[in-house]
Protein backbone atom coordinates (compact mmCIF):
# COMPACT_ATOMS: atom_id res chain seq x y z
CA MET A 1 -23.64 11.19 22.04
CA GLU A 2 -26.59 11.61 20.07
CA PRO A 3 -25.89 10.76 15.86
CA ALA A 4 -25.69 13.41 13.88
CA PRO A 5 -29.16 13.92 11.65
CA THR A 6 -28.35 12.66 8.17
CA LEU A 7 -28.25 15.06 5.29
CA ALA A 8 -31.87 13.39 3.69
CA GLU A 9 -33.25 14.16 7.25
CA ARG A 10 -32.23 17.66 6.99
CA ILE A 11 -33.11 18.33 2.92
CA LEU A 12 -36.58 16.17 3.44
CA PRO A 13 -38.00 16.89 6.91
CA LEU A 14 -41.70 16.44 5.46
CA PRO A 15 -43.11 18.24 8.35
CA GLY A 16 -46.65 16.92 8.92
CA THR A 17 -46.32 13.25 7.69
CA SER A 18 -46.50 10.26 9.05
CA ARG A 19 -42.91 8.44 10.24
CA ALA A 20 -44.21 5.52 7.46
CA ALA A 21 -44.71 8.08 4.44
CA ARG A 22 -41.22 9.65 5.72
CA GLU A 23 -39.47 6.50 5.46
CA ALA A 24 -41.02 5.82 2.02
CA VAL A 25 -39.91 9.00 0.54
CA LEU A 26 -36.71 8.46 1.61
CA LEU A 27 -36.26 4.85 1.02
CA GLY A 28 -37.68 5.52 -2.52
CA SER A 29 -35.13 8.29 -3.15
CA GLY A 30 -32.17 6.02 -2.56
CA VAL A 31 -33.93 3.18 -4.87
CA LEU A 32 -34.27 6.11 -7.42
CA LEU A 33 -31.07 7.62 -7.25
CA VAL A 34 -29.07 4.30 -7.85
CA SER A 35 -31.58 3.08 -10.69
CA LEU A 36 -30.96 6.26 -12.37
CA LEU A 37 -27.05 6.09 -12.06
CA ALA A 38 -26.95 2.55 -13.13
CA GLN A 39 -28.42 3.60 -16.70
CA LEU A 40 -24.88 5.16 -16.95
CA GLU A 41 -23.28 2.38 -18.46
CA VAL A 42 -19.87 1.79 -20.41
CA ARG A 43 -18.97 -1.98 -21.43
CA LEU A 44 -15.70 -3.05 -21.53
CA PRO A 45 -14.82 -5.51 -24.29
CA PHE A 46 -12.26 -7.22 -21.97
CA SER A 47 -14.39 -7.39 -18.70
CA PRO A 48 -18.04 -8.87 -18.20
CA VAL A 49 -17.94 -6.00 -15.25
CA PRO A 50 -19.48 -2.72 -16.91
CA VAL A 51 -18.33 0.93 -15.57
CA THR A 52 -21.36 2.34 -14.13
CA GLY A 53 -22.74 5.31 -12.17
CA GLN A 54 -24.15 2.60 -9.92
CA THR A 55 -21.55 2.49 -7.34
CA LEU A 56 -21.69 6.53 -6.90
CA GLY A 57 -25.32 6.14 -6.24
CA VAL A 58 -24.61 3.48 -3.44
CA LEU A 59 -22.02 5.92 -1.96
CA LEU A 60 -24.13 8.59 -2.08
CA ALA A 61 -27.44 6.90 -0.64
CA GLY A 62 -25.21 5.65 2.23
CA GLY A 63 -23.94 9.56 3.04
CA LEU A 64 -27.45 10.71 2.55
CA LEU A 65 -29.74 8.20 4.12
CA GLY A 66 -27.40 6.97 7.24
CA GLY A 67 -26.78 3.21 7.71
CA ARG A 68 -30.04 1.88 8.35
CA ARG A 69 -31.82 3.63 5.73
CA ALA A 70 -29.09 3.09 3.10
CA PHE A 71 -29.19 -0.54 3.84
CA GLN A 72 -32.83 -1.15 3.47
CA ALA A 73 -33.02 1.25 -0.07
CA MET A 74 -30.47 -1.11 -1.31
CA LEU A 75 -32.32 -4.27 -0.31
CA LEU A 76 -35.53 -2.62 -2.17
CA TYR A 77 -33.17 -1.59 -5.00
CA LEU A 78 -31.90 -5.48 -5.44
CA GLY A 79 -35.50 -6.43 -4.84
CA ALA A 80 -36.95 -4.19 -7.64
CA GLY A 81 -34.43 -5.71 -10.05
CA LEU A 82 -35.12 -9.38 -9.25
CA CYS A 83 -38.93 -8.64 -9.76
CA GLY A 84 -38.17 -7.57 -13.48
CA LEU A 85 -37.70 -3.47 -13.16
CA PRO A 86 -35.19 -2.42 -15.45
CA VAL A 87 -32.83 -0.92 -12.85
CA PHE A 88 -29.87 -2.69 -13.05
CA SER A 89 -26.96 -1.21 -15.28
CA GLY A 90 -28.23 -0.61 -19.08
CA GLY A 91 -31.72 -1.14 -17.79
CA ALA A 92 -31.00 -4.66 -16.94
CA SER A 93 -33.28 -6.85 -14.69
CA GLY A 94 -34.13 -10.23 -13.34
CA PRO A 95 -32.71 -12.94 -10.94
CA LEU A 96 -30.14 -14.56 -13.42
CA TRP A 97 -28.59 -10.74 -13.06
CA LEU A 98 -27.53 -11.41 -9.46
CA LEU A 99 -26.39 -15.07 -10.47
CA GLY A 100 -24.04 -13.78 -13.06
CA PRO A 101 -20.19 -12.63 -13.24
CA THR A 102 -21.38 -9.25 -11.64
CA GLY A 103 -24.01 -10.67 -8.99
CA GLY A 104 -21.59 -10.01 -5.99
CA TYR A 105 -20.77 -6.47 -6.74
CA LEU A 106 -24.65 -6.07 -6.38
CA ALA A 107 -25.01 -8.21 -3.65
CA GLY A 108 -22.38 -5.94 -1.78
CA PHE A 109 -24.54 -2.62 -2.19
CA PRO A 110 -26.27 -3.12 0.74
CA ALA A 111 -23.14 -3.54 2.73
CA ALA A 112 -21.17 -0.98 1.20
CA ALA A 113 -24.47 1.76 1.79
CA TRP A 114 -24.53 0.68 5.16
CA ALA A 115 -20.72 1.03 5.74
CA ALA A 116 -20.62 4.35 4.23
CA GLY A 117 -23.86 5.26 5.96
CA VAL A 118 -23.09 4.78 9.68
CA LEU A 119 -19.96 6.62 9.31
CA ALA A 120 -21.78 9.42 7.69
CA ARG A 121 -24.28 9.34 10.26
CA ARG A 122 -21.72 10.48 12.60
CA GLY A 123 -21.26 13.68 10.92
CA TRP A 124 -18.08 12.36 8.91
CA ASN A 125 -19.43 13.54 5.57
CA GLN A 126 -19.56 17.24 6.34
CA THR A 127 -16.12 17.88 4.99
CA PRO A 128 -14.64 16.25 1.93
CA TRP A 129 -11.44 15.16 3.88
CA LYS A 130 -13.44 13.39 6.59
CA ALA A 131 -15.69 11.98 3.65
CA LEU A 132 -13.07 10.67 1.80
CA PRO A 133 -12.32 7.55 4.15
CA VAL A 134 -16.27 6.91 4.52
CA LEU A 135 -16.62 6.66 0.83
CA ALA A 136 -13.69 4.75 0.44
CA ALA A 137 -14.71 2.16 2.56
CA GLY A 138 -17.97 1.96 1.24
CA ASN A 139 -16.49 1.24 -2.08
CA LEU A 140 -14.14 -1.15 -0.71
CA THR A 141 -17.07 -3.38 0.56
CA ILE A 142 -18.25 -3.99 -2.87
CA TYR A 143 -15.08 -5.00 -3.86
CA LEU A 144 -15.10 -7.57 -1.09
CA PHE A 145 -18.32 -8.69 -2.54
CA GLY A 146 -17.78 -8.37 -6.03
CA LEU A 147 -14.23 -9.92 -6.56
CA PRO A 148 -14.93 -13.54 -4.80
CA TRP A 149 -18.08 -13.73 -6.92
CA LEU A 150 -16.57 -13.10 -10.14
CA ALA A 151 -13.75 -15.13 -9.27
CA LEU A 152 -15.93 -18.26 -9.42
CA PHE A 153 -16.55 -17.48 -13.17
CA VAL A 154 -13.13 -16.32 -14.24
CA GLY A 155 -10.51 -17.43 -11.69
CA TRP A 156 -8.64 -16.06 -8.52
CA ASN A 157 -5.71 -15.43 -11.28
CA ARG A 158 -8.00 -13.25 -13.77
CA ALA A 159 -10.62 -11.32 -11.35
CA PRO A 160 -8.33 -8.36 -10.27
CA ALA A 161 -7.70 -7.52 -13.89
CA LEU A 162 -10.97 -7.99 -14.84
CA GLY A 163 -13.03 -7.09 -12.43
CA LEU A 164 -10.65 -4.43 -10.01
CA PHE A 165 -7.64 -2.83 -11.60
CA PRO A 166 -9.51 -1.24 -14.54
CA PHE A 167 -12.01 0.13 -12.24
CA LEU A 168 -9.67 1.76 -9.81
CA ALA A 169 -9.27 5.25 -11.59
CA GLY A 170 -12.94 5.56 -12.21
CA ASP A 171 -13.89 4.59 -8.50
CA ALA A 172 -11.43 7.22 -7.14
CA VAL A 173 -13.34 9.98 -9.29
CA LYS A 174 -16.69 9.13 -8.10
CA ILE A 175 -15.55 8.84 -4.40
CA LEU A 176 -13.76 12.33 -5.31
CA LEU A 177 -17.07 13.55 -6.92
CA ALA A 178 -19.26 12.20 -4.12
CA ALA A 179 -16.80 13.67 -1.03
CA ALA A 180 -17.26 17.14 -2.88
CA LEU A 181 -21.36 16.85 -3.36
CA LEU A 182 -21.97 15.68 0.13
CA PRO A 183 -20.60 18.01 2.37
CA LEU A 184 -22.04 21.08 -0.27
CA GLY A 185 -25.40 19.71 1.18
CA TRP A 186 -24.22 20.93 4.47
CA LYS A 187 -23.74 24.34 3.39
CA ILE A 188 -26.86 25.30 2.35
CA PRO A 189 -27.98 27.86 4.50
CA SER A 190 -31.55 26.89 5.32
CA LEU A 191 -30.07 23.55 6.53
CA ARG A 192 -27.77 25.35 8.69
CA GLU A 193 -30.68 27.03 9.87
CA LYS A 194 -32.17 23.92 11.22
CA ASP A 195 -29.16 22.39 12.72
CA PRO A 196 -29.74 22.17 16.38
CA GLY A 197 -26.24 22.96 17.78
């Protein structure tokens, strides 16, 4: 079965452009989305992990771009931050950011975007109820990378209290928001007209 076109392919068909130019626009859009949402930051006094909009951006990138492109966009995002561009939370950048307590969460972004994107590519982001497990799987992937890395700094006994429990309610809100936004894109009349089915 042919995978469903991604939402980004339907929103930005970019007719008359080369494949390389189209890929650059789509990947750059994913990087920009996460970079902008990363600037929404709230520092918690008891935890080295901030509350940010980054994870919402990662989940949306997966849902918009599909697995392969979202994975590549998140690698580019990390590369931009490593090179000194202020794309991490609160405008941070540099290699030390990836080596600190929150580095595991950042390292999980490509895998999380891929996980959400692969399922979205199969059309699972076209209704809120289908999108919820897709986005939850992407969010869980971030924790699978982030918590073990954080535990190296704070110990396994403290890692859930500092890097998981305080964020569950906010992550639930972000997942619900993304699950509501992604299906809305498929309802735009111009996108329905382009649907080959």
